[in-house]
């Protein structure tokens, strides 16, 4: 039996979207582990359905290992370092777990969406947005495969940092969209208004600054540029490190790990200031959102410095990426409050 959308169904959809958002945050964290353990190229084939099943026999494991041994990463990096089958199983697990979690996120979104749709429980104006989020999630998976494929040739030793940034930023964009839609529906459930919050000019310029910082962070991860320095605030005992500018400043700013590391660590303070402005504007409207943004922002800065000083220690760096995803959520919350305040 179907029913017309009401406040109860809007609340249920909002809760569902928050659950999916939490899964996306977990996937971002596992993706960070996958990157930091150099696990991303361990699975050399894209099998959307059968790939959910890991190797079950020793022969299956050896066949997967043989495929990995044909990659440039194994030939030039992990092979000479002495990687054996046990080491391969370790990196395979993280890439498999990352892909499995991506599949679970897709199921957790698509199945309830179909159920709410069939039951006619989706409030007017939200069907298109939910379908767009579903497609964006699927596109993120496709981008992930393009990223892996970019590193599978015999001459490559790593994935393209450009594809890595597209893969990660699409995930964070999806996360922000999930949060924004969940907040809209939560508001509709409590005050009976389905009109979504509007995007403010403050959200535009603060969001643009945050986007640049996230992009630089993705490039740092893709180029292993975190290892360019283990000191702070100076790099190589200098404020501006030496970098390869022979191909021009633009090339260096998009390819040289030393310059990208430098840009990421100092653009962070521009992002810090911009997000503080947002938090200050939000404080009179919703104190909890302002506090959350302050807390996540301070934690992220501290973890960024700790990542450098610890030489990119695994769990410190993973925490840095995890809190980066939480920062996107805090930004979305604060921006949403500003957007809905314009209608009061």
Protein backbone atom coordinates (compact mmCIF):
# COMPACT_ATOMS: atom_id res chain seq x y z
CA UNK A 1 0.00 0.00 0.00
CA UNK A 2 1.44 3.38 -0.97
CA UNK A 3 1.17 6.63 0.95
CA UNK A 4 1.73 10.31 0.25
CA UNK A 5 4.99 11.88 1.40
CA UNK A 6 4.73 13.38 4.88
CA UNK A 7 6.95 14.57 7.70
CA UNK A 8 7.54 11.03 8.93
CA UNK A 9 8.80 9.81 5.56
CA UNK A 10 10.99 12.90 5.17
CA UNK A 11 12.59 12.15 8.53
CA UNK A 12 13.16 8.50 7.57
CA UNK A 13 14.84 9.51 4.31
CA UNK A 14 17.01 12.02 6.16
CA UNK A 15 18.19 9.37 8.63
CA UNK A 16 18.92 6.99 5.75
CA UNK A 17 21.03 9.64 3.99
CA UNK A 18 23.02 10.25 7.17
CA UNK A 19 23.75 6.52 7.41
CA UNK A 20 24.99 6.51 3.82
CA UNK A 21 27.08 9.62 4.56
CA UNK A 22 28.70 7.80 7.50
CA UNK A 23 29.55 4.92 5.16
CA UNK A 24 31.12 7.36 2.70
CA UNK A 25 33.27 8.79 5.52
CA UNK A 26 34.40 5.25 6.36
CA UNK A 27 35.19 4.63 2.68
CA UNK A 28 37.31 7.80 2.56
CA UNK A 29 39.25 6.55 5.58
CA UNK A 30 39.79 3.09 4.08
CA UNK A 31 40.80 4.78 0.84
CA UNK A 32 43.45 6.66 2.80
CA UNK A 33 44.80 3.39 4.22
CA UNK A 34 44.79 1.91 0.72
CA UNK A 35 46.81 4.81 -0.58
CA UNK A 36 49.28 4.94 2.30
CA UNK A 37 49.97 1.20 2.16
CA UNK A 38 50.45 1.37 -1.63
CA UNK A 39 47.62 -1.14 -2.03
CA UNK A 40 45.74 0.52 -4.88
CA UNK A 41 47.33 -1.44 -7.73
CA UNK A 42 47.08 -4.87 -6.10
CA UNK A 43 43.83 -5.66 -7.94
CA UNK A 44 44.48 -5.21 -11.63
CA UNK A 45 41.01 -5.97 -12.98
CA UNK A 46 37.65 -4.27 -12.60
CA UNK A 47 34.91 -6.84 -11.91
CA UNK A 48 31.94 -4.94 -10.46
CA UNK A 49 30.07 -8.13 -9.47
CA UNK A 50 32.44 -11.09 -9.20
CA UNK A 51 35.18 -8.88 -7.78
CA UNK A 52 33.31 -8.80 -4.47
CA UNK A 53 34.56 -12.34 -3.85
CA UNK A 54 38.25 -12.46 -2.82
CA UNK A 55 40.58 -15.32 -3.87
CA UNK A 56 39.50 -18.48 -2.06
CA UNK A 57 42.29 -20.93 -2.88
CA UNK A 58 46.06 -20.77 -2.92
CA UNK A 59 45.96 -21.13 -6.71
CA UNK A 60 43.62 -18.13 -6.94
CA UNK A 61 45.98 -16.08 -4.79
CA UNK A 62 48.96 -16.97 -6.93
CA UNK A 63 47.06 -16.04 -10.09
CA UNK A 64 46.22 -12.61 -8.65
CA UNK A 65 49.81 -12.18 -7.52
CA UNK A 66 51.05 -13.02 -11.00
CA UNK A 67 48.86 -10.28 -12.48
CA UNK A 68 50.26 -7.80 -9.96
CA UNK A 69 53.83 -8.87 -10.78
CA UNK A 70 53.29 -7.57 -14.32
CA UNK A 71 52.72 -4.01 -13.12
CA UNK A 72 55.39 -1.35 -13.13
CA UNK A 73 54.92 -0.88 -9.39
CA UNK A 74 55.99 -4.46 -8.72
CA UNK A 75 58.73 -4.50 -11.36
CA UNK A 76 60.33 -1.27 -10.19
CA UNK A 77 59.32 -0.82 -6.54
CA UNK A 78 57.78 -3.61 -4.49
CA UNK A 79 59.41 -6.52 -6.31
CA UNK A 80 62.99 -5.29 -5.77
CA UNK A 81 61.97 -4.55 -2.16
CA UNK A 82 61.24 -8.24 -1.71
CA UNK A 83 57.44 -8.45 -1.69
CA UNK A 84 56.25 -12.05 -1.36
CA UNK A 85 52.81 -13.62 -1.50
CA UNK A 86 52.11 -12.80 2.16
CA UNK A 87 52.93 -9.15 1.55
CA UNK A 88 50.72 -9.15 -1.52
CA UNK A 89 47.80 -10.57 0.50
CA UNK A 90 48.11 -7.64 2.91
CA UNK A 91 47.87 -4.94 0.24
CA UNK A 92 45.21 -6.92 -1.65
CA UNK A 93 43.03 -6.94 1.46
CA UNK A 94 42.93 -3.15 1.74
CA UNK A 95 42.12 -2.58 -1.92
CA UNK A 96 39.49 -5.31 -1.81
CA UNK A 97 37.99 -3.83 1.38
CA UNK A 98 37.88 -0.38 -0.23
CA UNK A 99 36.09 -1.69 -3.30
CA UNK A 100 33.73 -3.83 -1.21
CA UNK A 101 32.78 -0.85 0.92
CA UNK A 102 32.10 1.11 -2.25
CA UNK A 103 29.75 -1.65 -3.41
CA UNK A 104 27.99 -1.67 -0.03
CA UNK A 105 27.53 2.10 -0.20
CA UNK A 106 25.94 1.71 -3.62
CA UNK A 107 23.56 -0.98 -2.35
CA UNK A 108 22.78 1.01 0.80
CA UNK A 109 21.75 3.92 -1.40
CA UNK A 110 20.08 2.25 -4.37
CA UNK A 111 17.87 -0.27 -2.55
CA UNK A 112 16.25 2.14 -0.06
CA UNK A 113 15.89 4.73 -2.83
CA UNK A 114 13.92 2.23 -4.88
CA UNK A 115 11.78 1.35 -1.86
CA UNK A 116 10.99 4.99 -1.01
CA UNK A 117 10.28 5.66 -4.68
CA UNK A 118 7.87 2.74 -5.06
CA UNK A 119 6.10 3.73 -1.86
CA UNK A 120 5.80 7.31 -3.13
CA UNK A 121 7.41 8.48 0.09
CA UNK A 122 9.84 10.98 -1.47
CA UNK A 123 8.74 14.60 -0.97
CA UNK A 124 8.15 16.69 -4.08
CA UNK A 125 11.32 18.14 -5.59
CA UNK A 126 13.74 15.57 -4.16
CA UNK A 127 13.57 12.68 -6.64
CA UNK A 128 15.91 14.34 -9.13
CA UNK A 129 18.42 15.22 -6.46
CA UNK A 130 18.48 11.68 -5.05
CA UNK A 131 18.95 10.19 -8.52
CA UNK A 132 21.78 12.67 -9.12
CA UNK A 133 23.46 11.53 -5.90
CA UNK A 134 23.12 7.90 -7.01
CA UNK A 135 24.70 8.68 -10.37
CA UNK A 136 27.44 10.71 -8.72
CA UNK A 137 28.27 7.75 -6.49
CA UNK A 138 28.44 5.45 -9.50
CA UNK A 139 30.63 7.92 -11.34
CA UNK A 140 32.96 8.02 -8.36
CA UNK A 141 33.47 4.28 -8.72
CA UNK A 142 34.21 4.64 -12.43
CA UNK A 143 36.76 7.34 -11.63
CA UNK A 144 38.33 4.96 -9.14
CA UNK A 145 38.89 2.41 -11.89
CA UNK A 146 40.35 5.05 -14.22
CA UNK A 147 42.71 5.95 -11.38
CA UNK A 148 43.83 2.33 -10.96
CA UNK A 149 44.18 1.84 -14.71
CA UNK A 150 46.46 4.87 -14.94
CA UNK A 151 49.06 2.99 -12.91
CA UNK A 152 48.89 -0.45 -14.47
CA UNK A 153 51.38 -0.06 -17.33
CA UNK A 154 54.85 -1.56 -17.04
CA UNK A 155 56.37 1.92 -17.05
CA UNK A 156 54.15 3.33 -14.29
CA UNK A 157 55.05 2.96 -10.65
CA UNK A 158 51.97 4.70 -9.28
CA UNK A 159 48.53 5.96 -10.18
CA UNK A 160 47.97 9.40 -11.68
CA UNK A 161 47.61 12.00 -8.96
CA UNK A 162 45.11 13.78 -11.20
CA UNK A 163 42.83 10.74 -11.31
CA UNK A 164 43.31 10.24 -7.57
CA UNK A 165 42.16 13.80 -6.91
CA UNK A 166 39.12 13.36 -9.18
CA UNK A 167 38.26 10.11 -7.40
CA UNK A 168 38.60 11.62 -3.91
CA UNK A 169 36.94 14.96 -4.62
CA UNK A 170 33.96 13.23 -6.25
CA UNK A 171 33.55 11.21 -3.05
CA UNK A 172 33.69 14.38 -0.94
CA UNK A 173 31.26 16.15 -3.26
CA UNK A 174 28.88 13.21 -2.88
CA UNK A 175 29.34 13.40 0.89
CA UNK A 176 28.47 17.10 0.90
CA UNK A 177 25.43 16.47 -1.28
CA UNK A 178 24.21 13.71 1.03
CA UNK A 179 24.56 15.99 4.06
CA UNK A 180 22.86 18.96 2.40
CA UNK A 181 19.91 16.86 1.23
CA UNK A 182 19.58 15.16 4.62
CA UNK A 183 19.48 18.57 6.32
CA UNK A 184 16.83 19.82 3.89
CA UNK A 185 14.65 16.79 4.55
CA UNK A 186 15.18 16.96 8.31
CA UNK A 187 13.99 20.55 8.22
CA UNK A 188 10.99 19.56 6.11
CA UNK A 189 10.17 16.81 8.60
CA UNK A 190 10.16 19.20 11.55
CA UNK A 191 8.59 22.38 10.18
CA UNK A 192 6.68 21.08 7.18
CA UNK A 193 8.54 23.08 4.55
CA UNK A 194 10.09 21.23 1.62
CA UNK A 195 11.82 24.20 0.01
CA UNK A 196 15.57 23.53 0.26
CA UNK A 197 18.13 25.91 1.69
CA UNK A 198 19.78 28.21 -0.82
CA UNK A 199 23.47 28.44 -1.62
CA UNK A 200 24.87 31.70 -0.24
CA UNK A 201 27.67 33.90 -1.57
CA UNK A 202 29.67 33.16 1.59
CA UNK A 203 29.36 29.43 0.96
CA UNK A 204 30.62 30.01 -2.60
CA UNK A 205 33.89 31.72 -1.76
CA UNK A 206 34.62 29.71 1.38
CA UNK A 207 33.78 26.52 -0.50
CA UNK A 208 36.09 27.49 -3.36
CA UNK A 209 38.98 28.02 -0.94
CA UNK A 210 38.25 24.71 0.78
CA UNK A 211 38.08 22.96 -2.61
CA UNK A 212 41.59 24.18 -3.49
CA UNK A 213 42.91 22.87 -0.18
CA UNK A 214 41.27 19.47 -0.69
CA UNK A 215 42.63 19.33 -4.25
CA UNK A 216 46.15 20.09 -3.04
CA UNK A 217 45.77 17.47 -0.32
CA UNK A 218 44.76 14.88 -2.91
CA UNK A 219 47.80 15.76 -5.02
CA UNK A 220 50.02 15.47 -1.95
CA UNK A 221 48.65 11.97 -1.40
CA UNK A 222 48.96 11.00 -5.06
CA UNK A 223 52.57 12.16 -5.34
CA UNK A 224 53.62 10.92 -1.87
CA UNK A 225 54.51 14.57 -1.29
CA UNK A 226 53.96 14.24 2.43
CA UNK A 227 57.47 12.78 2.54
CA UNK A 228 58.94 15.94 0.99
CA UNK A 229 59.56 17.28 4.49
CA UNK A 230 59.40 16.02 8.06
CA UNK A 231 59.85 19.44 9.64
CA UNK A 232 57.49 22.30 10.35
CA UNK A 233 57.13 25.21 9.70
CA UNK A 234 60.29 25.19 7.52
CA UNK A 235 61.03 22.77 4.68
CA UNK A 236 64.68 21.89 4.06
CA UNK A 237 65.50 24.62 6.60
CA UNK A 238 63.87 27.12 4.26
CA UNK A 239 60.46 28.74 4.05
CA UNK A 240 60.13 28.02 0.31
CA UNK A 241 61.75 24.67 -0.57
CA UNK A 242 63.78 23.98 -3.66
CA UNK A 243 61.65 22.59 -6.45
CA UNK A 244 61.89 21.79 -10.16
CA UNK A 245 60.73 24.88 -12.03
CA UNK A 246 62.44 24.02 -15.31
CA UNK A 247 59.10 23.38 -17.01
CA UNK A 248 57.46 26.51 -15.68
CA UNK A 249 55.74 27.46 -12.45
CA UNK A 250 52.35 26.06 -13.50
CA UNK A 251 53.86 22.65 -14.21
CA UNK A 252 55.69 22.71 -10.89
CA UNK A 253 52.51 23.71 -9.02
CA UNK A 254 50.73 20.67 -10.44
CA UNK A 255 53.54 18.10 -10.58
CA UNK A 256 56.43 18.89 -8.24
CA UNK A 257 55.95 17.21 -4.82
CA UNK A 258 58.01 19.80 -2.93
CA UNK A 259 56.07 22.79 -4.25
CA UNK A 260 52.70 21.04 -3.87
CA UNK A 261 53.55 20.11 -0.27
CA UNK A 262 54.49 23.75 0.35
CA UNK A 263 51.26 25.03 -1.19
CA UNK A 264 49.13 22.56 0.77
CA UNK A 265 50.65 23.42 4.14
CA UNK A 266 50.33 27.19 3.67
CA UNK A 267 47.05 27.36 1.74
CA UNK A 268 45.70 25.54 4.80
CA UNK A 269 45.91 28.81 6.73
CA UNK A 270 43.90 30.64 4.09
CA UNK A 271 41.28 27.89 4.33
CA UNK A 272 41.49 28.13 8.13
CA UNK A 273 40.74 31.86 8.05
CA UNK A 274 37.91 31.45 5.53
CA UNK A 275 36.24 28.71 7.57
CA UNK A 276 36.57 30.81 10.72
CA UNK A 277 34.64 33.57 8.94
CA UNK A 278 31.93 31.05 8.11
CA UNK A 279 31.87 29.78 11.70
CA UNK A 280 31.56 33.35 13.00
CA UNK A 281 28.62 34.07 10.68
CA UNK A 282 26.87 30.89 11.73
CA UNK A 283 27.39 31.29 15.48
CA UNK A 284 24.36 33.60 16.11
CA UNK A 285 22.16 31.25 14.09
CA UNK A 286 23.29 27.84 15.33
CA UNK A 287 25.97 27.73 18.03
CA UNK A 288 26.45 23.96 17.78
CA UNK A 289 27.40 24.19 14.10
CA UNK A 290 29.91 26.92 14.86
CA UNK A 291 31.47 24.87 17.65
CA UNK A 292 31.61 21.79 15.43
CA UNK A 293 33.32 23.70 12.64
CA UNK A 294 35.85 25.20 15.07
CA UNK A 295 36.60 21.80 16.61
CA UNK A 296 37.01 19.91 13.35
CA UNK A 297 39.08 22.70 11.82
CA UNK A 298 41.48 22.87 14.76
CA UNK A 299 41.83 19.09 14.83
CA UNK A 300 42.54 18.99 11.11
CA UNK A 301 45.31 21.61 11.36
CA UNK A 302 46.90 19.74 14.28
CA UNK A 303 46.74 16.42 12.43
CA UNK A 304 48.25 17.99 9.32
CA UNK A 305 51.26 19.22 11.29
CA UNK A 306 51.51 15.87 13.11
CA UNK A 307 51.46 14.02 9.78
CA UNK A 308 54.50 16.00 8.66
CA UNK A 309 56.40 15.69 11.94
CA UNK A 310 55.82 11.91 12.17
CA UNK A 311 57.04 11.32 8.63
CA UNK A 312 53.52 10.41 7.45
CA UNK A 313 52.83 7.83 10.12
CA UNK A 314 50.02 5.63 8.85
CA UNK A 315 47.32 6.23 11.46
CA UNK A 316 48.11 9.91 11.85
CA UNK A 317 47.83 10.43 8.08
CA UNK A 318 44.64 8.34 7.89
CA UNK A 319 43.16 10.41 10.72
CA UNK A 320 44.06 13.55 8.78
CA UNK A 321 42.11 12.30 5.76
CA UNK A 322 39.21 11.12 7.93
CA UNK A 323 38.88 14.49 9.65
CA UNK A 324 39.10 16.12 6.22
CA UNK A 325 35.87 14.31 5.34
CA UNK A 326 34.34 15.47 8.64
CA UNK A 327 35.40 19.01 7.74
CA UNK A 328 33.37 18.74 4.54
CA UNK A 329 30.36 17.72 6.64
CA UNK A 330 30.91 20.61 9.07
CA UNK A 331 31.19 23.03 6.15
CA UNK A 332 27.99 21.67 4.60
CA UNK A 333 26.15 22.06 7.91
CA UNK A 334 27.30 25.65 8.38
CA UNK A 335 26.62 26.59 4.74
CA UNK A 336 23.16 25.05 4.98
CA UNK A 337 22.36 27.15 8.05
CA UNK A 338 23.32 30.31 6.19
CA UNK A 339 21.23 29.23 3.21
CA UNK A 340 18.12 28.61 5.20
CA UNK A 341 18.57 31.77 7.30
CA UNK A 342 17.91 33.83 4.14
CA UNK A 343 14.34 32.53 4.15
CA UNK A 344 13.57 33.50 7.75
